[in-house]
Amino acid sequence: MGFFDDLVLPEEPVAERAVLVRLGPPGEDDGKYEPPVDRFAPVLLSQLGVAGAGPDTRVLLTGWSLWPRTATLHLSVFRKTRWQSQDSRRQSGLRVGLLFSDGRRVTSLDGTVQRGVQYTTPSGRVAEASTRQAVGLIPLDPRLHQSRGARWSLFKTDVDLYLAELPPPGEAQLVVEWPDEGISETRTPIDVAALHAASARSLEV
């Protein structure tokens, strides 16, 4: 007897189902702007520490999700006080960056590029549109990439930033600054060897 057999009621065989959508082969930009969530299960690597602290706000580094050749950086912002929103054009919000051993840096302030996106119209025709795409440390939409528990809080915010390449071997640093919250530039060392080792263990599905 199978494990579930005594819990399942007899029923008719399932009817033949029509294909709704099928995952195609990876495209040219696969993994370039967002994690390859449809093709790989990441390795979760914990790294818990304070990445920046101000009078009413702390930014915690909580860990990483490692994909083949790429990574998602996980931060959590904890506040004691919420303020009214500032002018969205101000440049004094949360700043996050990574400094690589070869001197390169990638940041959440790296701007955008123009990106072509293909889509299928209701009539089945393949069309292409143009959109602005963030580069550097790419913020992920929490509605689409829920890497952690989806519990809403007024005083805690999760920030997930996608890195389209692993840091090269050698020393690397996470750099955080947030002028509006009184957080001065703070550097946290990154174990690059651990990132590469975890990336090699990601599982193709």
N, C-alpha and C. Protein backbone atom coordinates (compact mmCIF):
# COMPACT_ATOMS: atom_id res chain seq x y z
N MET A 1 0.85 -1.19 0.00
CA MET A 1 0.00 0.00 0.00
C MET A 1 0.89 1.24 0.00
N GLY A 2 0.50 2.23 -0.82
CA GLY A 2 1.23 3.48 -0.85
C GLY A 2 0.98 4.32 0.39
N PHE A 3 1.83 5.27 0.63
CA PHE A 3 1.77 6.07 1.84
C PHE A 3 0.44 6.82 1.97
N PHE A 4 -0.12 7.32 0.87
CA PHE A 4 -1.34 8.13 0.92
C PHE A 4 -2.61 7.36 0.53
N ASP A 5 -2.47 6.08 0.17
CA ASP A 5 -3.59 5.36 -0.44
C ASP A 5 -4.84 5.34 0.43
N ASP A 6 -4.72 5.19 1.74
CA ASP A 6 -5.89 5.10 2.59
C ASP A 6 -6.52 6.47 2.88
N LEU A 7 -5.90 7.57 2.38
CA LEU A 7 -6.42 8.91 2.60
C LEU A 7 -7.07 9.51 1.36
N VAL A 8 -6.95 8.82 0.24
CA VAL A 8 -7.43 9.37 -1.03
C VAL A 8 -8.69 8.64 -1.46
N LEU A 9 -9.73 9.43 -1.78
CA LEU A 9 -10.98 8.85 -2.25
C LEU A 9 -10.87 8.48 -3.73
N PRO A 10 -11.53 7.43 -4.16
CA PRO A 10 -11.52 7.08 -5.58
C PRO A 10 -12.12 8.20 -6.42
N GLU A 11 -11.53 8.46 -7.56
CA GLU A 11 -12.04 9.50 -8.46
C GLU A 11 -11.72 9.14 -9.90
N GLU A 12 -12.39 9.84 -10.80
CA GLU A 12 -12.20 9.58 -12.23
C GLU A 12 -10.79 10.04 -12.64
N PRO A 13 -10.21 9.36 -13.63
CA PRO A 13 -8.91 9.82 -14.14
C PRO A 13 -9.03 11.25 -14.67
N VAL A 14 -7.97 12.00 -14.53
CA VAL A 14 -7.97 13.39 -14.96
C VAL A 14 -8.09 13.44 -16.49
N ALA A 15 -8.88 14.41 -16.95
CA ALA A 15 -9.05 14.57 -18.40
C ALA A 15 -7.77 15.16 -19.00
N GLU A 16 -7.63 14.98 -20.30
CA GLU A 16 -6.46 15.54 -20.99
C GLU A 16 -6.49 17.06 -20.87
N ARG A 17 -5.35 17.63 -20.53
CA ARG A 17 -5.29 19.07 -20.29
C ARG A 17 -4.56 19.78 -21.42
N ALA A 18 -5.06 20.96 -21.75
CA ALA A 18 -4.40 21.78 -22.76
C ALA A 18 -3.22 22.52 -22.14
N VAL A 19 -2.17 22.73 -22.91
CA VAL A 19 -1.01 23.47 -22.44
C VAL A 19 -1.36 24.95 -22.33
N LEU A 20 -1.14 25.54 -21.17
CA LEU A 20 -1.39 26.96 -20.96
C LEU A 20 -0.18 27.78 -21.40
N VAL A 21 0.98 27.41 -20.90
CA VAL A 21 2.24 28.05 -21.29
C VAL A 21 3.36 27.08 -20.97
N ARG A 22 4.42 27.14 -21.76
CA ARG A 22 5.54 26.23 -21.56
C ARG A 22 6.84 27.03 -21.47
N LEU A 23 7.68 26.63 -20.54
CA LEU A 23 8.97 27.31 -20.37
C LEU A 23 9.86 27.02 -21.57
N GLY A 24 10.30 28.08 -22.23
CA GLY A 24 11.15 27.93 -23.40
C GLY A 24 12.62 27.87 -23.03
N PRO A 25 13.48 27.76 -24.00
CA PRO A 25 14.93 27.74 -23.73
C PRO A 25 15.38 29.10 -23.20
N PRO A 26 16.49 29.14 -22.47
CA PRO A 26 16.97 30.42 -21.92
C PRO A 26 17.30 31.41 -23.03
N GLY A 27 16.95 32.66 -22.80
CA GLY A 27 17.22 33.70 -23.77
C GLY A 27 18.58 34.33 -23.57
N GLU A 28 18.90 35.27 -24.43
CA GLU A 28 20.20 35.92 -24.39
C GLU A 28 20.42 36.67 -23.09
N ASP A 29 19.35 37.25 -22.51
CA ASP A 29 19.47 38.03 -21.27
C ASP A 29 19.14 37.22 -20.03
N ASP A 30 19.03 35.91 -20.15
CA ASP A 30 18.65 35.08 -19.00
C ASP A 30 19.67 35.25 -17.87
N GLY A 31 19.21 35.66 -16.68
CA GLY A 31 20.09 35.86 -15.54
C GLY A 31 20.82 37.18 -15.54
N LYS A 32 20.59 38.02 -16.55
CA LYS A 32 21.33 39.29 -16.63
C LYS A 32 20.71 40.37 -15.77
N TYR A 33 19.38 40.38 -15.67
CA TYR A 33 18.69 41.44 -14.94
C TYR A 33 17.87 40.93 -13.77
N GLU A 34 17.70 39.63 -13.65
CA GLU A 34 16.93 39.06 -12.55
C GLU A 34 17.37 37.61 -12.34
N PRO A 35 17.12 37.05 -11.16
CA PRO A 35 17.58 35.69 -10.88
C PRO A 35 16.91 34.67 -11.79
N PRO A 36 17.61 33.59 -12.13
CA PRO A 36 17.04 32.54 -12.98
C PRO A 36 16.14 31.60 -12.17
N VAL A 37 15.06 32.16 -11.60
CA VAL A 37 14.23 31.41 -10.66
C VAL A 37 13.46 30.25 -11.31
N ASP A 38 13.26 30.30 -12.62
CA ASP A 38 12.53 29.23 -13.30
C ASP A 38 13.40 28.05 -13.62
N ARG A 39 14.71 28.19 -13.49
CA ARG A 39 15.63 27.15 -13.94
C ARG A 39 16.54 26.60 -12.85
N PHE A 40 16.69 27.33 -11.74
CA PHE A 40 17.61 26.91 -10.69
C PHE A 40 17.02 27.18 -9.31
N ALA A 41 17.35 26.31 -8.37
CA ALA A 41 17.08 26.55 -6.95
C ALA A 41 18.38 27.07 -6.33
N PRO A 42 18.33 28.24 -5.68
CA PRO A 42 19.57 28.82 -5.15
C PRO A 42 20.00 28.16 -3.85
N VAL A 43 21.26 28.35 -3.52
CA VAL A 43 21.78 27.99 -2.20
C VAL A 43 21.66 29.23 -1.32
N LEU A 44 21.06 29.08 -0.15
CA LEU A 44 20.90 30.19 0.79
C LEU A 44 22.07 30.21 1.75
N LEU A 45 22.79 31.31 1.76
CA LEU A 45 23.99 31.45 2.59
C LEU A 45 23.73 32.55 3.62
N SER A 46 23.73 32.18 4.89
CA SER A 46 23.48 33.15 5.96
C SER A 46 24.73 33.97 6.23
N GLN A 47 24.57 35.26 6.41
CA GLN A 47 25.63 36.16 6.88
C GLN A 47 24.96 37.28 7.65
N LEU A 48 24.84 37.11 8.92
CA LEU A 48 24.06 38.04 9.74
C LEU A 48 24.99 39.04 10.41
N GLY A 49 24.71 40.32 10.18
CA GLY A 49 25.51 41.36 10.81
C GLY A 49 24.93 42.73 10.52
N VAL A 50 25.34 43.72 11.31
CA VAL A 50 24.89 45.10 11.13
C VAL A 50 25.72 45.74 10.03
N ALA A 51 25.06 46.14 8.95
CA ALA A 51 25.75 46.75 7.81
C ALA A 51 25.75 48.26 7.90
N GLY A 52 24.96 48.82 8.80
CA GLY A 52 24.91 50.27 8.99
C GLY A 52 23.92 50.60 10.09
N ALA A 53 24.23 51.63 10.90
CA ALA A 53 23.36 51.97 12.03
C ALA A 53 23.30 53.47 12.21
N GLY A 54 22.07 53.98 12.46
CA GLY A 54 21.85 55.37 12.77
C GLY A 54 21.04 55.48 14.05
N PRO A 55 20.64 56.69 14.41
CA PRO A 55 19.90 56.89 15.67
C PRO A 55 18.59 56.10 15.74
N ASP A 56 17.87 55.98 14.62
CA ASP A 56 16.57 55.32 14.63
C ASP A 56 16.47 54.16 13.64
N THR A 57 17.54 53.86 12.93
CA THR A 57 17.47 52.87 11.86
C THR A 57 18.71 51.99 11.86
N ARG A 58 18.50 50.71 11.65
CA ARG A 58 19.61 49.78 11.44
C ARG A 58 19.40 49.03 10.14
N VAL A 59 20.48 48.86 9.40
CA VAL A 59 20.47 48.05 8.19
C VAL A 59 21.26 46.79 8.48
N LEU A 60 20.59 45.62 8.38
CA LEU A 60 21.24 44.35 8.64
C LEU A 60 21.48 43.59 7.34
N LEU A 61 22.67 43.07 7.21
CA LEU A 61 22.95 42.08 6.17
C LEU A 61 22.50 40.74 6.72
N THR A 62 21.58 40.08 6.01
CA THR A 62 21.06 38.79 6.51
C THR A 62 21.59 37.60 5.72
N GLY A 63 22.09 37.82 4.50
CA GLY A 63 22.63 36.69 3.76
C GLY A 63 22.52 36.87 2.26
N TRP A 64 22.64 35.73 1.56
CA TRP A 64 22.71 35.71 0.11
C TRP A 64 21.91 34.53 -0.45
N SER A 65 21.38 34.70 -1.64
CA SER A 65 20.92 33.58 -2.44
C SER A 65 21.90 33.44 -3.60
N LEU A 66 22.47 32.25 -3.76
CA LEU A 66 23.50 32.05 -4.76
C LEU A 66 22.98 31.20 -5.91
N TRP A 67 23.11 31.75 -7.11
CA TRP A 67 22.74 31.09 -8.36
C TRP A 67 24.02 30.79 -9.12
N PRO A 68 23.95 30.05 -10.22
CA PRO A 68 25.16 29.88 -11.03
C PRO A 68 25.67 31.22 -11.54
N ARG A 69 26.81 31.64 -11.10
CA ARG A 69 27.50 32.85 -11.57
C ARG A 69 26.85 34.16 -11.12
N THR A 70 25.75 34.12 -10.36
CA THR A 70 25.10 35.35 -9.91
C THR A 70 24.68 35.21 -8.45
N ALA A 71 24.19 36.33 -7.87
CA ALA A 71 23.82 36.31 -6.45
C ALA A 71 22.74 37.34 -6.18
N THR A 72 21.95 37.08 -5.13
CA THR A 72 21.02 38.07 -4.59
C THR A 72 21.47 38.40 -3.17
N LEU A 73 21.66 39.69 -2.92
CA LEU A 73 22.05 40.19 -1.61
C LEU A 73 20.80 40.52 -0.81
N HIS A 74 20.71 40.02 0.43
CA HIS A 74 19.53 40.24 1.27
C HIS A 74 19.87 41.16 2.44
N LEU A 75 19.16 42.28 2.50
CA LEU A 75 19.27 43.22 3.61
C LEU A 75 17.91 43.36 4.28
N SER A 76 17.92 43.72 5.55
CA SER A 76 16.69 44.06 6.26
C SER A 76 16.89 45.40 6.96
N VAL A 77 15.91 46.29 6.78
CA VAL A 77 15.95 47.61 7.40
C VAL A 77 15.00 47.60 8.60
N PHE A 78 15.52 47.92 9.77
CA PHE A 78 14.73 47.99 11.00
C PHE A 78 14.68 49.45 11.46
N ARG A 79 13.47 49.96 11.67
CA ARG A 79 13.29 51.35 12.07
C ARG A 79 12.61 51.43 13.44
N LYS A 80 12.97 52.44 14.20
CA LYS A 80 12.22 52.79 15.41
C LYS A 80 11.18 53.86 15.12
N THR A 81 11.41 54.62 14.04
CA THR A 81 10.54 55.74 13.68
C THR A 81 10.31 55.75 12.18
N ARG A 82 9.08 56.00 11.77
CA ARG A 82 8.78 56.22 10.35
C ARG A 82 8.50 57.70 10.15
N TRP A 83 9.13 58.27 9.13
CA TRP A 83 8.96 59.68 8.83
C TRP A 83 8.09 59.84 7.59
N GLN A 84 7.55 61.04 7.41
CA GLN A 84 6.82 61.32 6.18
C GLN A 84 7.78 61.22 5.00
N SER A 85 7.26 60.76 3.85
CA SER A 85 8.09 60.57 2.67
C SER A 85 8.72 61.89 2.23
N GLN A 86 10.00 61.78 1.82
CA GLN A 86 10.71 62.94 1.29
C GLN A 86 10.47 63.05 -0.22
N ASP A 87 10.94 64.12 -0.79
CA ASP A 87 10.90 64.31 -2.23
C ASP A 87 11.61 63.13 -2.90
N SER A 88 10.93 62.44 -3.82
CA SER A 88 11.50 61.25 -4.45
C SER A 88 12.73 61.57 -5.29
N ARG A 89 12.96 62.85 -5.61
CA ARG A 89 14.13 63.21 -6.42
C ARG A 89 15.39 63.34 -5.57
N ARG A 90 15.26 63.31 -4.24
CA ARG A 90 16.43 63.43 -3.38
C ARG A 90 17.35 62.22 -3.55
N GLN A 91 18.67 62.47 -3.40
CA GLN A 91 19.66 61.41 -3.57
C GLN A 91 20.26 60.98 -2.22
N SER A 92 19.50 61.16 -1.14
CA SER A 92 20.06 60.88 0.18
C SER A 92 19.36 59.70 0.85
N GLY A 93 18.78 58.81 0.06
CA GLY A 93 18.18 57.60 0.59
C GLY A 93 19.23 56.53 0.83
N LEU A 94 18.78 55.28 0.98
CA LEU A 94 19.68 54.15 1.23
C LEU A 94 20.57 53.92 0.02
N ARG A 95 21.87 53.89 0.26
CA ARG A 95 22.86 53.62 -0.78
C ARG A 95 23.58 52.33 -0.43
N VAL A 96 23.65 51.43 -1.40
CA VAL A 96 24.30 50.13 -1.18
C VAL A 96 25.27 49.88 -2.33
N GLY A 97 26.44 49.39 -2.00
CA GLY A 97 27.42 49.09 -3.04
C GLY A 97 28.31 47.93 -2.64
N LEU A 98 28.96 47.34 -3.64
CA LEU A 98 29.96 46.31 -3.43
C LEU A 98 31.26 46.76 -4.08
N LEU A 99 32.36 46.66 -3.34
CA LEU A 99 33.68 46.98 -3.86
C LEU A 99 34.42 45.67 -4.09
N PHE A 100 34.84 45.42 -5.33
CA PHE A 100 35.49 44.17 -5.70
C PHE A 100 37.00 44.28 -5.50
N SER A 101 37.65 43.12 -5.50
CA SER A 101 39.09 43.07 -5.31
C SER A 101 39.85 43.71 -6.47
N ASP A 102 39.25 43.76 -7.66
CA ASP A 102 39.91 44.36 -8.81
C ASP A 102 39.66 45.86 -8.92
N GLY A 103 39.02 46.45 -7.87
CA GLY A 103 38.79 47.87 -7.85
C GLY A 103 37.46 48.31 -8.42
N ARG A 104 36.75 47.41 -9.09
CA ARG A 104 35.43 47.78 -9.62
C ARG A 104 34.42 47.88 -8.49
N ARG A 105 33.37 48.65 -8.74
CA ARG A 105 32.28 48.74 -7.78
C ARG A 105 30.96 48.65 -8.53
N VAL A 106 29.98 48.06 -7.87
CA VAL A 106 28.60 48.04 -8.36
C VAL A 106 27.74 48.58 -7.24
N THR A 107 26.74 49.39 -7.59
CA THR A 107 25.96 50.06 -6.56
C THR A 107 24.49 50.10 -6.94
N SER A 108 23.68 50.48 -5.97
CA SER A 108 22.25 50.69 -6.20
C SER A 108 21.98 52.02 -6.88
N LEU A 109 23.03 52.80 -7.15
CA LEU A 109 22.90 54.10 -7.81
C LEU A 109 23.42 54.09 -9.24
N ASP A 110 23.63 52.90 -9.81
CA ASP A 110 24.27 52.79 -11.12
C ASP A 110 23.38 53.18 -12.28
N GLY A 111 22.13 53.50 -12.02
CA GLY A 111 21.26 54.03 -13.06
C GLY A 111 20.57 52.94 -13.87
N THR A 112 20.18 53.28 -15.10
CA THR A 112 19.40 52.37 -15.93
C THR A 112 19.94 52.36 -17.35
N VAL A 113 19.54 51.32 -18.09
CA VAL A 113 19.82 51.23 -19.52
C VAL A 113 18.49 50.97 -20.24
N GLN A 114 18.50 51.18 -21.54
CA GLN A 114 17.31 50.88 -22.34
C GLN A 114 17.34 49.39 -22.68
N ARG A 115 16.25 48.71 -22.44
CA ARG A 115 16.19 47.25 -22.65
C ARG A 115 14.98 46.89 -23.50
N GLY A 116 15.19 46.05 -24.50
CA GLY A 116 14.10 45.54 -25.32
C GLY A 116 13.50 44.30 -24.69
N VAL A 117 12.18 44.24 -24.63
CA VAL A 117 11.47 43.11 -24.02
C VAL A 117 10.48 42.56 -25.03
N GLN A 118 10.57 41.25 -25.30
CA GLN A 118 9.62 40.61 -26.20
C GLN A 118 8.41 40.12 -25.42
N TYR A 119 7.23 40.21 -26.06
CA TYR A 119 6.01 39.70 -25.47
C TYR A 119 5.08 39.21 -26.58
N THR A 120 4.11 38.40 -26.20
CA THR A 120 3.17 37.84 -27.16
C THR A 120 1.83 38.53 -27.00
N THR A 121 1.29 39.03 -28.10
CA THR A 121 -0.01 39.71 -28.08
C THR A 121 -1.12 38.68 -27.98
N PRO A 122 -2.35 39.11 -27.62
CA PRO A 122 -3.48 38.17 -27.56
C PRO A 122 -3.72 37.41 -28.86
N SER A 123 -3.31 38.00 -29.98
CA SER A 123 -3.49 37.32 -31.26
C SER A 123 -2.39 36.31 -31.56
N GLY A 124 -1.38 36.24 -30.66
CA GLY A 124 -0.29 35.28 -30.85
C GLY A 124 0.92 35.86 -31.54
N ARG A 125 0.88 37.13 -31.89
CA ARG A 125 2.02 37.76 -32.56
C ARG A 125 3.07 38.17 -31.53
N VAL A 126 4.35 37.92 -31.86
CA VAL A 126 5.44 38.31 -30.98
C VAL A 126 5.82 39.76 -31.27
N ALA A 127 5.79 40.59 -30.24
CA ALA A 127 6.12 42.01 -30.39
C ALA A 127 7.23 42.36 -29.41
N GLU A 128 7.79 43.55 -29.57
CA GLU A 128 8.88 43.99 -28.69
C GLU A 128 8.60 45.40 -28.21
N ALA A 129 8.86 45.62 -26.93
CA ALA A 129 8.71 46.93 -26.32
C ALA A 129 10.04 47.34 -25.70
N SER A 130 10.17 48.61 -25.40
CA SER A 130 11.38 49.13 -24.80
C SER A 130 11.07 49.63 -23.39
N THR A 131 11.97 49.34 -22.45
CA THR A 131 11.75 49.77 -21.07
C THR A 131 13.09 50.15 -20.44
N ARG A 132 13.03 50.96 -19.38
CA ARG A 132 14.24 51.30 -18.64
C ARG A 132 14.54 50.18 -17.66
N GLN A 133 15.79 49.72 -17.64
CA GLN A 133 16.19 48.60 -16.81
C GLN A 133 17.33 49.03 -15.89
N ALA A 134 17.14 48.81 -14.58
CA ALA A 134 18.20 49.10 -13.61
C ALA A 134 19.40 48.19 -13.85
N VAL A 135 20.60 48.70 -13.57
CA VAL A 135 21.82 47.91 -13.65
C VAL A 135 22.58 48.08 -12.34
N GLY A 136 23.71 47.39 -12.20
CA GLY A 136 24.47 47.45 -10.96
C GLY A 136 23.87 46.49 -9.94
N LEU A 137 23.57 46.97 -8.76
CA LEU A 137 22.81 46.20 -7.78
C LEU A 137 21.34 46.46 -8.06
N ILE A 138 20.67 45.47 -8.61
CA ILE A 138 19.33 45.65 -9.17
C ILE A 138 18.28 45.34 -8.10
N PRO A 139 17.45 46.31 -7.71
CA PRO A 139 16.39 46.03 -6.72
C PRO A 139 15.35 45.09 -7.30
N LEU A 140 14.98 44.07 -6.53
CA LEU A 140 13.98 43.10 -6.97
C LEU A 140 12.62 43.47 -6.43
N ASP A 141 11.60 43.26 -7.25
CA ASP A 141 10.22 43.53 -6.85
C ASP A 141 9.80 42.47 -5.83
N PRO A 142 9.48 42.86 -4.58
CA PRO A 142 9.12 41.86 -3.57
C PRO A 142 7.86 41.09 -3.92
N ARG A 143 7.02 41.63 -4.81
CA ARG A 143 5.80 40.91 -5.20
C ARG A 143 6.13 39.74 -6.12
N LEU A 144 7.29 39.82 -6.80
CA LEU A 144 7.66 38.77 -7.75
C LEU A 144 8.75 37.86 -7.20
N HIS A 145 9.57 38.37 -6.29
CA HIS A 145 10.71 37.61 -5.78
C HIS A 145 10.66 37.58 -4.26
N GLN A 146 9.79 36.78 -3.72
CA GLN A 146 9.67 36.69 -2.26
C GLN A 146 10.66 35.66 -1.75
N SER A 147 11.88 36.15 -1.46
CA SER A 147 12.92 35.25 -0.99
C SER A 147 12.76 34.91 0.47
N ARG A 148 11.97 35.72 1.19
CA ARG A 148 11.79 35.49 2.63
C ARG A 148 10.32 35.58 2.96
N GLY A 149 10.02 35.39 4.22
CA GLY A 149 8.63 35.40 4.64
C GLY A 149 7.92 36.68 4.26
N ALA A 150 6.68 36.55 3.80
CA ALA A 150 5.94 37.71 3.29
C ALA A 150 5.11 38.37 4.38
N ARG A 151 5.67 38.52 5.57
CA ARG A 151 4.95 39.15 6.67
C ARG A 151 5.18 40.65 6.61
N TRP A 152 4.09 41.42 6.52
CA TRP A 152 4.20 42.87 6.42
C TRP A 152 4.45 43.49 7.78
N SER A 153 5.32 44.49 7.83
CA SER A 153 5.61 45.19 9.07
C SER A 153 5.80 46.67 8.77
N LEU A 154 5.36 47.52 9.69
CA LEU A 154 5.53 48.95 9.53
C LEU A 154 6.96 49.38 9.82
N PHE A 155 7.70 48.59 10.60
CA PHE A 155 9.03 48.99 11.06
C PHE A 155 10.16 48.14 10.50
N LYS A 156 9.84 47.15 9.70
CA LYS A 156 10.88 46.32 9.08
C LYS A 156 10.60 46.19 7.59
N THR A 157 11.64 46.39 6.79
CA THR A 157 11.53 46.28 5.34
C THR A 157 12.67 45.42 4.82
N ASP A 158 12.35 44.42 4.01
CA ASP A 158 13.38 43.60 3.38
C ASP A 158 13.78 44.23 2.05
N VAL A 159 15.07 44.25 1.80
CA VAL A 159 15.62 44.81 0.56
C VAL A 159 16.46 43.73 -0.10
N ASP A 160 16.07 43.32 -1.31
CA ASP A 160 16.79 42.30 -2.06
C ASP A 160 17.39 42.94 -3.31
N LEU A 161 18.71 42.79 -3.47
CA LEU A 161 19.43 43.40 -4.58
C LEU A 161 20.15 42.32 -5.38
N TYR A 162 19.91 42.31 -6.68
CA TYR A 162 20.45 41.27 -7.54
C TYR A 162 21.78 41.70 -8.15
N LEU A 163 22.75 40.82 -8.09
CA LEU A 163 24.08 41.05 -8.64
C LEU A 163 24.29 40.06 -9.79
N ALA A 164 24.44 40.57 -11.00
CA ALA A 164 24.47 39.72 -12.19
C ALA A 164 25.82 39.06 -12.44
N GLU A 165 26.72 39.17 -11.50
CA GLU A 165 28.00 38.46 -11.56
C GLU A 165 28.49 38.25 -10.14
N LEU A 166 29.20 37.16 -9.91
CA LEU A 166 29.81 36.96 -8.60
C LEU A 166 31.05 37.84 -8.49
N PRO A 167 31.36 38.32 -7.28
CA PRO A 167 32.60 39.08 -7.12
C PRO A 167 33.80 38.22 -7.51
N PRO A 168 34.82 38.79 -8.13
CA PRO A 168 36.02 38.01 -8.46
C PRO A 168 36.73 37.58 -7.18
N PRO A 169 37.54 36.52 -7.24
CA PRO A 169 38.27 36.07 -6.05
C PRO A 169 39.08 37.20 -5.42
N GLY A 170 39.19 37.15 -4.11
CA GLY A 170 39.91 38.18 -3.37
C GLY A 170 38.99 38.89 -2.40
N GLU A 171 39.47 39.96 -1.83
CA GLU A 171 38.70 40.70 -0.83
C GLU A 171 37.60 41.51 -1.48
N ALA A 172 36.43 41.52 -0.85
CA ALA A 172 35.31 42.36 -1.31
C ALA A 172 34.65 42.96 -0.08
N GLN A 173 34.01 44.10 -0.29
CA GLN A 173 33.35 44.79 0.82
C GLN A 173 31.96 45.23 0.41
N LEU A 174 31.03 45.10 1.36
CA LEU A 174 29.72 45.70 1.23
C LEU A 174 29.79 47.10 1.84
N VAL A 175 29.30 48.10 1.10
CA VAL A 175 29.34 49.48 1.57
C VAL A 175 27.91 50.01 1.64
N VAL A 176 27.54 50.52 2.82
CA VAL A 176 26.19 51.05 3.05
C VAL A 176 26.30 52.48 3.58
N GLU A 177 25.40 53.34 3.09
CA GLU A 177 25.32 54.72 3.57
C GLU A 177 23.88 55.19 3.43
N TRP A 178 23.40 55.98 4.40
CA TRP A 178 22.02 56.47 4.34
C TRP A 178 21.96 57.82 5.04
N PRO A 179 22.27 58.90 4.33
CA PRO A 179 22.33 60.23 4.97
C PRO A 179 21.05 60.63 5.69
N ASP A 180 19.88 60.38 5.08
CA ASP A 180 18.63 60.80 5.70
C ASP A 180 18.37 60.11 7.04
N GLU A 181 18.97 58.93 7.25
CA GLU A 181 18.77 58.21 8.51
C GLU A 181 19.99 58.30 9.42
N GLY A 182 20.94 59.17 9.08
CA GLY A 182 22.11 59.36 9.94
C GLY A 182 23.07 58.19 9.92
N ILE A 183 23.06 57.40 8.85
CA ILE A 183 23.98 56.26 8.73
C ILE A 183 25.15 56.67 7.85
N SER A 184 26.34 56.78 8.45
CA SER A 184 27.53 57.14 7.69
C SER A 184 28.06 55.92 6.94
N GLU A 185 28.98 56.15 6.02
CA GLU A 185 29.52 55.06 5.20
C GLU A 185 30.09 53.96 6.10
N THR A 186 29.58 52.75 5.91
CA THR A 186 29.97 51.60 6.74
C THR A 186 30.35 50.45 5.82
N ARG A 187 31.48 49.80 6.10
CA ARG A 187 31.98 48.72 5.25
C ARG A 187 31.96 47.40 6.01
N THR A 188 31.51 46.36 5.30
CA THR A 188 31.43 45.01 5.86
C THR A 188 32.17 44.05 4.94
N PRO A 189 33.13 43.27 5.45
CA PRO A 189 33.85 42.33 4.59
C PRO A 189 32.93 41.20 4.12
N ILE A 190 33.16 40.74 2.89
CA ILE A 190 32.39 39.67 2.28
C ILE A 190 33.31 38.47 2.05
N ASP A 191 32.83 37.29 2.43
CA ASP A 191 33.59 36.05 2.21
C ASP A 191 33.32 35.58 0.78
N VAL A 192 34.15 36.04 -0.15
CA VAL A 192 33.93 35.74 -1.57
C VAL A 192 34.08 34.25 -1.85
N ALA A 193 35.02 33.59 -1.20
CA ALA A 193 35.21 32.16 -1.42
C ALA A 193 33.95 31.38 -1.06
N ALA A 194 33.27 31.79 0.03
CA ALA A 194 32.03 31.12 0.43
C ALA A 194 30.93 31.35 -0.61
N LEU A 195 30.89 32.54 -1.20
CA LEU A 195 29.89 32.81 -2.24
C LEU A 195 30.11 31.90 -3.45
N HIS A 196 31.35 31.75 -3.87
CA HIS A 196 31.64 30.91 -5.04
C HIS A 196 31.34 29.45 -4.74
N ALA A 197 31.68 28.99 -3.53
CA ALA A 197 31.42 27.60 -3.17
C ALA A 197 29.92 27.32 -3.14
N ALA A 198 29.14 28.26 -2.60
CA ALA A 198 27.69 28.08 -2.55
C ALA A 198 27.09 28.12 -3.95
N SER A 199 27.57 29.03 -4.78
CA SER A 199 27.06 29.12 -6.15
C SER A 199 27.23 27.81 -6.91
N ALA A 200 28.33 27.13 -6.66
CA ALA A 200 28.58 25.86 -7.36
C ALA A 200 27.61 24.77 -6.92
N ARG A 201 26.93 24.96 -5.78
CA ARG A 201 26.00 23.95 -5.28
C ARG A 201 24.55 24.24 -5.67
N SER A 202 24.29 25.35 -6.39
CA SER A 202 22.92 25.63 -6.81
C SER A 202 22.43 24.49 -7.70
N LEU A 203 21.13 24.26 -7.65
CA LEU A 203 20.57 23.05 -8.27
C LEU A 203 19.72 23.40 -9.48
N GLU A 204 20.06 22.84 -10.63
CA GLU A 204 19.23 23.03 -11.82
C GLU A 204 17.97 22.17 -11.69
N VAL A 205 16.82 22.76 -11.99
CA VAL A 205 15.55 22.05 -11.79
C VAL A 205 14.97 21.61 -13.12
